[in-house]
Amino acid sequence: YGVRVPAVVVSPFISPGTVFRSSGQPFDHTSII
């Protein structure tokens, strides 16, 4: 992987102020796919 980049995910189905991380494989751009 490369260096980390920020990502903000916005939806009315997300509790405000949520910070989330992956417990296994790290999130990367293909997580969007």
PDB file of all heavy atoms in Angstrom:
ATOM      1  N   TYR A   1       0.834  -1.192   0.000  1.00  0.00           N
ATOM      2  CA  TYR A   1       0.000   0.000   0.000  1.00  0.00           C
ATOM      3  C   TYR A   1       0.872   1.246   0.000  1.00  0.00           C
ATOM      4  O   TYR A   1       2.070   1.186   0.298  1.00  0.00           O
ATOM      5  CB  TYR A   1      -0.904   0.028   1.237  1.00  0.00           C
ATOM      6  CG  TYR A   1      -1.972  -1.037   1.251  1.00  0.00           C
ATOM      7  CD1 TYR A   1      -1.924  -2.088   2.158  1.00  0.00           C
ATOM      8  CD2 TYR A   1      -3.038  -0.984   0.357  1.00  0.00           C
ATOM      9  CE1 TYR A   1      -2.904  -3.065   2.179  1.00  0.00           C
ATOM     10  CE2 TYR A   1      -4.024  -1.962   0.370  1.00  0.00           C
ATOM     11  CZ  TYR A   1      -3.958  -2.995   1.277  1.00  0.00           C
ATOM     12  OH  TYR A   1      -4.925  -3.957   1.285  1.00  0.00           O
ATOM     13  N   GLY A   2       0.271   2.385  -0.301  1.00  0.00           N
ATOM     14  CA  GLY A   2       0.975   3.644  -0.217  1.00  0.00           C
ATOM     15  C   GLY A   2       0.759   4.280   1.139  1.00  0.00           C
ATOM     16  O   GLY A   2       0.247   3.650   2.072  1.00  0.00           O
ATOM     17  N   VAL A   3       1.155   5.543   1.258  1.00  0.00           N
ATOM     18  CA  VAL A   3       0.911   6.262   2.514  1.00  0.00           C
ATOM     19  C   VAL A   3      -0.590   6.466   2.684  1.00  0.00           C
ATOM     20  O   VAL A   3      -1.355   6.438   1.718  1.00  0.00           O
ATOM     21  CB  VAL A   3       1.648   7.612   2.525  1.00  0.00           C
ATOM     22  CG1 VAL A   3       3.144   7.400   2.552  1.00  0.00           C
ATOM     23  CG2 VAL A   3       1.257   8.446   1.305  1.00  0.00           C
ATOM     24  N   ARG A   4      -1.009   6.684   3.912  1.00  0.00           N
ATOM     25  CA  ARG A   4      -2.433   6.782   4.203  1.00  0.00           C
ATOM     26  C   ARG A   4      -3.021   8.103   3.725  1.00  0.00           C
ATOM     27  O   ARG A   4      -2.349   9.131   3.704  1.00  0.00           O
ATOM     28  CB  ARG A   4      -2.664   6.623   5.709  1.00  0.00           C
ATOM     29  CG  ARG A   4      -2.303   5.244   6.215  1.00  0.00           C
ATOM     30  CD  ARG A   4      -2.443   5.134   7.720  1.00  0.00           C
ATOM     31  NE  ARG A   4      -1.534   6.046   8.416  1.00  0.00           N
ATOM     32  CZ  ARG A   4      -1.507   6.181   9.738  1.00  0.00           C
ATOM     33  NH1 ARG A   4      -2.335   5.476  10.494  1.00  0.00           N
ATOM     34  NH2 ARG A   4      -0.652   7.011  10.301  1.00  0.00           N
ATOM     35  N   VAL A   5      -4.273   8.066   3.317  1.00  0.00           N
ATOM     36  CA  VAL A   5      -5.007   9.262   2.904  1.00  0.00           C
ATOM     37  C   VAL A   5      -6.287   9.343   3.727  1.00  0.00           C
ATOM     38  O   VAL A   5      -6.816   8.320   4.177  1.00  0.00           O
ATOM     39  CB  VAL A   5      -5.357   9.232   1.395  1.00  0.00           C
ATOM     40  CG1 VAL A   5      -4.102   9.229   0.546  1.00  0.00           C
ATOM     41  CG2 VAL A   5      -6.229   8.033   1.059  1.00  0.00           C
ATOM     42  N   PRO A   6      -6.795  10.550   3.955  1.00  0.00           N
ATOM     43  CA  PRO A   6      -8.032  10.673   4.726  1.00  0.00           C
ATOM     44  C   PRO A   6      -9.248  10.247   3.912  1.00  0.00           C
ATOM     45  O   PRO A   6      -9.241  10.297   2.679  1.00  0.00           O
ATOM     46  CB  PRO A   6      -8.091  12.170   5.056  1.00  0.00           C
ATOM     47  CG  PRO A   6      -7.302  12.821   3.966  1.00  0.00           C
ATOM     48  CD  PRO A   6      -6.226  11.850   3.597  1.00  0.00           C
ATOM     49  N   ALA A   7     -10.279   9.835   4.610  1.00  0.00           N
ATOM     50  CA  ALA A   7     -11.557   9.509   3.987  1.00  0.00           C
ATOM     51  C   ALA A   7     -12.674   9.868   4.953  1.00  0.00           C
ATOM     52  O   ALA A   7     -12.600   9.563   6.147  1.00  0.00           O
ATOM     53  CB  ALA A   7     -11.632   8.033   3.611  1.00  0.00           C
ATOM     54  N   VAL A   8     -13.689  10.526   4.444  1.00  0.00           N
ATOM     55  CA  VAL A   8     -14.875  10.891   5.222  1.00  0.00           C
ATOM     56  C   VAL A   8     -16.080  10.258   4.544  1.00  0.00           C
ATOM     57  O   VAL A   8     -16.269  10.413   3.334  1.00  0.00           O
ATOM     58  CB  VAL A   8     -15.053  12.425   5.291  1.00  0.00           C
ATOM     59  CG1 VAL A   8     -16.306  12.779   6.076  1.00  0.00           C
ATOM     60  CG2 VAL A   8     -13.832  13.086   5.911  1.00  0.00           C
ATOM     61  N   VAL A   9     -16.858   9.514   5.311  1.00  0.00           N
ATOM     62  CA  VAL A   9     -18.042   8.837   4.787  1.00  0.00           C
ATOM     63  C   VAL A   9     -19.270   9.468   5.425  1.00  0.00           C
ATOM     64  O   VAL A   9     -19.370   9.533   6.650  1.00  0.00           O
ATOM     65  CB  VAL A   9     -17.984   7.324   5.079  1.00  0.00           C
ATOM     66  CG1 VAL A   9     -19.185   6.614   4.471  1.00  0.00           C
ATOM     67  CG2 VAL A   9     -16.690   6.725   4.538  1.00  0.00           C
ATOM     68  N   VAL A  10     -20.204   9.945   4.606  1.00  0.00           N
ATOM     69  CA  VAL A  10     -21.357  10.708   5.096  1.00  0.00           C
ATOM     70  C   VAL A  10     -22.647  10.037   4.646  1.00  0.00           C
ATOM     71  O   VAL A  10     -22.823   9.732   3.466  1.00  0.00           O
ATOM     72  CB  VAL A  10     -21.323  12.159   4.569  1.00  0.00           C
ATOM     73  CG1 VAL A  10     -22.404  12.997   5.228  1.00  0.00           C
ATOM     74  CG2 VAL A  10     -19.954  12.788   4.774  1.00  0.00           C
ATOM     75  N   SER A  11     -23.533   9.803   5.598  1.00  0.00           N
ATOM     76  CA  SER A  11     -24.825   9.199   5.286  1.00  0.00           C
ATOM     77  C   SER A  11     -25.761   9.384   6.471  1.00  0.00           C
ATOM     78  O   SER A  11     -25.311   9.404   7.624  1.00  0.00           O
ATOM     79  CB  SER A  11     -24.660   7.703   4.993  1.00  0.00           C
ATOM     80  OG  SER A  11     -25.924   7.036   4.951  1.00  0.00           O
ATOM     81  N   PRO A  12     -27.079   9.511   6.239  1.00  0.00           N
ATOM     82  CA  PRO A  12     -28.025   9.581   7.354  1.00  0.00           C
ATOM     83  C   PRO A  12     -28.158   8.254   8.091  1.00  0.00           C
ATOM     84  O   PRO A  12     -28.856   8.190   9.106  1.00  0.00           O
ATOM     85  CB  PRO A  12     -29.337   9.983   6.681  1.00  0.00           C
ATOM     86  CG  PRO A  12     -29.201   9.524   5.271  1.00  0.00           C
ATOM     87  CD  PRO A  12     -27.754   9.685   4.938  1.00  0.00           C
ATOM     88  N   PHE A  13     -27.497   7.211   7.607  1.00  0.00           N
ATOM     89  CA  PHE A  13     -27.519   5.915   8.276  1.00  0.00           C
ATOM     90  C   PHE A  13     -26.282   5.702   9.150  1.00  0.00           C
ATOM     91  O   PHE A  13     -26.026   4.592   9.605  1.00  0.00           O
ATOM     92  CB  PHE A  13     -27.618   4.786   7.247  1.00  0.00           C
ATOM     93  CG  PHE A  13     -28.989   4.656   6.626  1.00  0.00           C
ATOM     94  CD1 PHE A  13     -29.305   5.341   5.465  1.00  0.00           C
ATOM     95  CD2 PHE A  13     -29.964   3.866   7.216  1.00  0.00           C
ATOM     96  CE1 PHE A  13     -30.565   5.235   4.895  1.00  0.00           C
ATOM     97  CE2 PHE A  13     -31.227   3.760   6.656  1.00  0.00           C
ATOM     98  CZ  PHE A  13     -31.528   4.452   5.494  1.00  0.00           C
ATOM     99  N   ILE A  14     -25.505   6.762   9.359  1.00  0.00           N
ATOM    100  CA  ILE A  14     -24.302   6.687  10.187  1.00  0.00           C
ATOM    101  C   ILE A  14     -24.506   7.556  11.422  1.00  0.00           C
ATOM    102  O   ILE A  14     -24.933   8.706  11.313  1.00  0.00           O
ATOM    103  CB  ILE A  14     -23.054   7.165   9.413  1.00  0.00           C
ATOM    104  CG1 ILE A  14     -22.847   6.337   8.149  1.00  0.00           C
ATOM    105  CG2 ILE A  14     -21.814   7.087  10.298  1.00  0.00           C
ATOM    106  CD1 ILE A  14     -21.719   6.839   7.270  1.00  0.00           C
ATOM    107  N   SER A  15     -24.178   7.019  12.583  1.00  0.00           N
ATOM    108  CA  SER A  15     -24.258   7.822  13.802  1.00  0.00           C
ATOM    109  C   SER A  15     -23.272   8.982  13.708  1.00  0.00           C
ATOM    110  O   SER A  15     -22.109   8.780  13.326  1.00  0.00           O
ATOM    111  CB  SER A  15     -23.922   6.965  15.025  1.00  0.00           C
ATOM    112  OG  SER A  15     -24.858   5.909  15.180  1.00  0.00           O
ATOM    113  N   PRO A  16     -23.717  10.203  14.039  1.00  0.00           N
ATOM    114  CA  PRO A  16     -22.812  11.362  13.932  1.00  0.00           C
ATOM    115  C   PRO A  16     -21.545  11.168  14.752  1.00  0.00           C
ATOM    116  O   PRO A  16     -21.562  10.639  15.860  1.00  0.00           O
ATOM    117  CB  PRO A  16     -23.660  12.510  14.499  1.00  0.00           C
ATOM    118  CG  PRO A  16     -25.076  12.086  14.279  1.00  0.00           C
ATOM    119  CD  PRO A  16     -25.077  10.591  14.462  1.00  0.00           C
ATOM    120  N   GLY A  17     -20.417  11.585  14.183  1.00  0.00           N
ATOM    121  CA  GLY A  17     -19.144  11.524  14.889  1.00  0.00           C
ATOM    122  C   GLY A  17     -18.483  10.168  14.919  1.00  0.00           C
ATOM    123  O   GLY A  17     -17.509   9.970  15.641  1.00  0.00           O
ATOM    124  N   THR A  18     -18.965   9.234  14.121  1.00  0.00           N
ATOM    125  CA  THR A  18     -18.402   7.882  14.123  1.00  0.00           C
ATOM    126  C   THR A  18     -16.993   7.873  13.550  1.00  0.00           C
ATOM    127  O   THR A  18     -16.726   8.483  12.509  1.00  0.00           O
ATOM    128  CB  THR A  18     -19.289   6.924  13.304  1.00  0.00           C
ATOM    129  OG1 THR A  18     -20.570   6.827  13.927  1.00  0.00           O
ATOM    130  CG2 THR A  18     -18.669   5.534  13.207  1.00  0.00           C
ATOM    131  N   VAL A  19     -16.092   7.179  14.208  1.00  0.00           N
ATOM    132  CA  VAL A  19     -14.749   6.904  13.686  1.00  0.00           C
ATOM    133  C   VAL A  19     -14.638   5.398  13.553  1.00  0.00           C
ATOM    134  O   VAL A  19     -14.876   4.670  14.511  1.00  0.00           O
ATOM    135  CB  VAL A  19     -13.650   7.442  14.629  1.00  0.00           C
ATOM    136  CG1 VAL A  19     -12.269   7.066  14.097  1.00  0.00           C
ATOM    137  CG2 VAL A  19     -13.766   8.959  14.778  1.00  0.00           C
ATOM    138  N   PHE A  20     -14.308   4.914  12.368  1.00  0.00           N
ATOM    139  CA  PHE A  20     -14.291   3.466  12.170  1.00  0.00           C
ATOM    140  C   PHE A  20     -12.978   3.015  11.547  1.00  0.00           C
ATOM    141  O   PHE A  20     -12.334   3.741  10.803  1.00  0.00           O
ATOM    142  CB  PHE A  20     -15.473   3.013  11.308  1.00  0.00           C
ATOM    143  CG  PHE A  20     -15.448   3.495   9.877  1.00  0.00           C
ATOM    144  CD1 PHE A  20     -15.072   2.644   8.845  1.00  0.00           C
ATOM    145  CD2 PHE A  20     -15.800   4.800   9.564  1.00  0.00           C
ATOM    146  CE1 PHE A  20     -15.054   3.077   7.535  1.00  0.00           C
ATOM    147  CE2 PHE A  20     -15.780   5.245   8.247  1.00  0.00           C
ATOM    148  CZ  PHE A  20     -15.402   4.374   7.237  1.00  0.00           C
ATOM    149  N   ARG A  21     -12.589   1.802  11.911  1.00  0.00           N
ATOM    150  CA  ARG A  21     -11.370   1.196  11.391  1.00  0.00           C
ATOM    151  C   ARG A  21     -11.663  -0.258  11.051  1.00  0.00           C
ATOM    152  O   ARG A  21     -12.581  -0.866  11.614  1.00  0.00           O
ATOM    153  CB  ARG A  21     -10.231   1.270  12.413  1.00  0.00           C
ATOM    154  CG  ARG A  21      -9.788   2.677  12.759  1.00  0.00           C
ATOM    155  CD  ARG A  21      -8.713   2.671  13.827  1.00  0.00           C
ATOM    156  NE  ARG A  21      -8.190   3.998  14.108  1.00  0.00           N
ATOM    157  CZ  ARG A  21      -8.756   4.844  14.963  1.00  0.00           C
ATOM    158  NH1 ARG A  21      -9.847   4.486  15.626  1.00  0.00           N
ATOM    159  NH2 ARG A  21      -8.224   6.032  15.169  1.00  0.00           N
ATOM    160  N   SER A  22     -10.865  -0.798  10.193  1.00  0.00           N
ATOM    161  CA  SER A  22     -11.008  -2.215   9.855  1.00  0.00           C
ATOM    162  C   SER A  22     -10.211  -3.045  10.857  1.00  0.00           C
ATOM    163  O   SER A  22      -9.080  -2.700  11.208  1.00  0.00           O
ATOM    164  CB  SER A  22     -10.498  -2.485   8.440  1.00  0.00           C
ATOM    165  OG  SER A  22     -10.475  -3.869   8.171  1.00  0.00           O
ATOM    166  N   SER A  23     -10.812  -4.138  11.307  1.00  0.00           N
ATOM    167  CA  SER A  23     -10.120  -5.008  12.259  1.00  0.00           C
ATOM    168  C   SER A  23      -9.197  -6.005  11.560  1.00  0.00           C
ATOM    169  O   SER A  23      -8.402  -6.673  12.216  1.00  0.00           O
ATOM    170  CB  SER A  23     -11.149  -5.777  13.099  1.00  0.00           C
ATOM    171  OG  SER A  23     -12.007  -6.542  12.265  1.00  0.00           O
ATOM    172  N   GLY A  24      -9.314  -6.123  10.259  1.00  0.00           N
ATOM    173  CA  GLY A  24      -8.470  -7.048   9.518  1.00  0.00           C
ATOM    174  C   GLY A  24      -7.740  -6.351   8.398  1.00  0.00           C
ATOM    175  O   GLY A  24      -6.858  -5.517   8.622  1.00  0.00           O
ATOM    176  N   GLN A  25      -8.097  -6.683   7.169  1.00  0.00           N
ATOM    177  CA  GLN A  25      -7.510  -6.047   5.992  1.00  0.00           C
ATOM    178  C   GLN A  25      -7.759  -4.542   6.051  1.00  0.00           C
ATOM    179  O   GLN A  25      -8.872  -4.102   6.327  1.00  0.00           O
ATOM    180  CB  GLN A  25      -8.133  -6.639   4.719  1.00  0.00           C
ATOM    181  CG  GLN A  25      -7.366  -6.356   3.448  1.00  0.00           C
ATOM    182  CD  GLN A  25      -6.170  -7.271   3.283  1.00  0.00           C
ATOM    183  OE1 GLN A  25      -5.988  -8.189   4.058  1.00  0.00           O
ATOM    184  NE2 GLN A  25      -5.374  -7.024   2.262  1.00  0.00           N
ATOM    185  N   PRO A  26      -6.758  -3.704   5.833  1.00  0.00           N
ATOM    186  CA  PRO A  26      -6.983  -2.256   5.927  1.00  0.00           C
ATOM    187  C   PRO A  26      -7.866  -1.742   4.804  1.00  0.00           C
ATOM    188  O   PRO A  26      -7.917  -2.317   3.709  1.00  0.00           O
ATOM    189  CB  PRO A  26      -5.563  -1.683   5.830  1.00  0.00           C
ATOM    190  CG  PRO A  26      -4.776  -2.717   5.107  1.00  0.00           C
ATOM    191  CD  PRO A  26      -5.358  -4.037   5.527  1.00  0.00           C
ATOM    192  N   PHE A  27      -8.577  -0.656   5.094  1.00  0.00           N
ATOM    193  CA  PHE A  27      -9.345   0.010   4.053  1.00  0.00           C
ATOM    194  C   PHE A  27      -8.380   0.598   3.027  1.00  0.00           C
ATOM    195  O   PHE A  27      -7.310   1.088   3.368  1.00  0.00           O
ATOM    196  CB  PHE A  27     -10.196   1.137   4.639  1.00  0.00           C
ATOM    197  CG  PHE A  27     -11.375   0.661   5.431  1.00  0.00           C
ATOM    198  CD1 PHE A  27     -11.374   0.741   6.808  1.00  0.00           C
ATOM    199  CD2 PHE A  27     -12.495   0.150   4.798  1.00  0.00           C
ATOM    200  CE1 PHE A  27     -12.456   0.320   7.555  1.00  0.00           C
ATOM    201  CE2 PHE A  27     -13.588  -0.280   5.527  1.00  0.00           C
ATOM    202  CZ  PHE A  27     -13.572  -0.206   6.906  1.00  0.00           C
ATOM    203  N   ASP A  28      -8.762   0.523   1.774  1.00  0.00           N
ATOM    204  CA  ASP A  28      -8.002   1.208   0.723  1.00  0.00           C
ATOM    205  C   ASP A  28      -8.991   1.679  -0.327  1.00  0.00           C
ATOM    206  O   ASP A  28     -10.212   1.524  -0.165  1.00  0.00           O
ATOM    207  CB  ASP A  28      -6.915   0.283   0.146  1.00  0.00           C
ATOM    208  CG  ASP A  28      -7.481  -0.777  -0.764  1.00  0.00           C
ATOM    209  OD1 ASP A  28      -8.110  -1.727  -0.260  1.00  0.00           O
ATOM    210  OD2 ASP A  28      -7.313  -0.654  -1.989  1.00  0.00           O
ATOM    211  N   HIS A  29      -8.507   2.259  -1.385  1.00  0.00           N
ATOM    212  CA  HIS A  29      -9.414   2.836  -2.376  1.00  0.00           C
ATOM    213  C   HIS A  29     -10.352   1.795  -2.988  1.00  0.00           C
ATOM    214  O   HIS A  29     -11.475   2.124  -3.390  1.00  0.00           O
ATOM    215  CB  HIS A  29      -8.609   3.538  -3.481  1.00  0.00           C
ATOM    216  CG  HIS A  29      -7.949   4.792  -3.034  1.00  0.00           C
ATOM    217  ND1 HIS A  29      -6.688   4.808  -2.485  1.00  0.00           N
ATOM    218  CD2 HIS A  29      -8.373   6.088  -3.023  1.00  0.00           C
ATOM    219  CE1 HIS A  29      -6.352   6.061  -2.183  1.00  0.00           C
ATOM    220  NE2 HIS A  29      -7.355   6.843  -2.485  1.00  0.00           N
ATOM    221  N   THR A  30      -9.915   0.547  -3.059  1.00  0.00           N
ATOM    222  CA  THR A  30     -10.795  -0.468  -3.632  1.00  0.00           C
ATOM    223  C   THR A  30     -11.919  -0.847  -2.674  1.00  0.00           C
ATOM    224  O   THR A  30     -12.828  -1.590  -3.062  1.00  0.00           O
ATOM    225  CB  THR A  30     -10.003  -1.734  -4.036  1.00  0.00           C
ATOM    226  OG1 THR A  30      -9.385  -2.299  -2.878  1.00  0.00           O
ATOM    227  CG2 THR A  30      -8.951  -1.399  -5.066  1.00  0.00           C
ATOM    228  N   SER A  31     -11.883  -0.329  -1.439  1.00  0.00           N
ATOM    229  CA  SER A  31     -13.024  -0.524  -0.544  1.00  0.00           C
ATOM    230  C   SER A  31     -14.272   0.154  -1.103  1.00  0.00           C
ATOM    231  O   SER A  31     -15.404  -0.296  -0.847  1.00  0.00           O
ATOM    232  CB  SER A  31     -12.705   0.033   0.841  1.00  0.00           C
ATOM    233  OG  SER A  31     -11.679  -0.713   1.474  1.00  0.00           O
ATOM    234  N   ILE A  32     -14.074   1.231  -1.852  1.00  0.00           N
ATOM    235  CA  ILE A  32     -15.217   1.890  -2.505  1.00  0.00           C
ATOM    236  C   ILE A  32     -15.818   0.957  -3.552  1.00  0.00           C
ATOM    237  O   ILE A  32     -17.041   0.797  -3.652  1.00  0.00           O
ATOM    238  CB  ILE A  32     -14.772   3.219  -3.140  1.00  0.00           C
ATOM    239  CG1 ILE A  32     -14.213   4.157  -2.071  1.00  0.00           C
ATOM    240  CG2 ILE A  32     -15.929   3.878  -3.880  1.00  0.00           C
ATOM    241  CD1 ILE A  32     -13.611   5.432  -2.613  1.00  0.00           C
ATOM    242  N   ILE A  33     -14.947   0.314  -4.326  1.00  0.00           N
ATOM    243  CA  ILE A  33     -15.422  -0.643  -5.325  1.00  0.00           C
ATOM    244  C   ILE A  33     -16.149  -1.800  -4.638  1.00  0.00           C
ATOM    245  O   ILE A  33     -17.228  -2.230  -5.081  1.00  0.00           O
ATOM    246  CB  ILE A  33     -14.246  -1.170  -6.167  1.00  0.00           C
ATOM    247  CG1 ILE A  33     -13.591  -0.026  -6.940  1.00  0.00           C
ATOM    248  CG2 ILE A  33     -14.698  -2.269  -7.113  1.00  0.00           C
ATOM    249  CD1 ILE A  33     -12.322  -0.415  -7.657  1.00  0.00           C
TER     250      ILE A  33
END
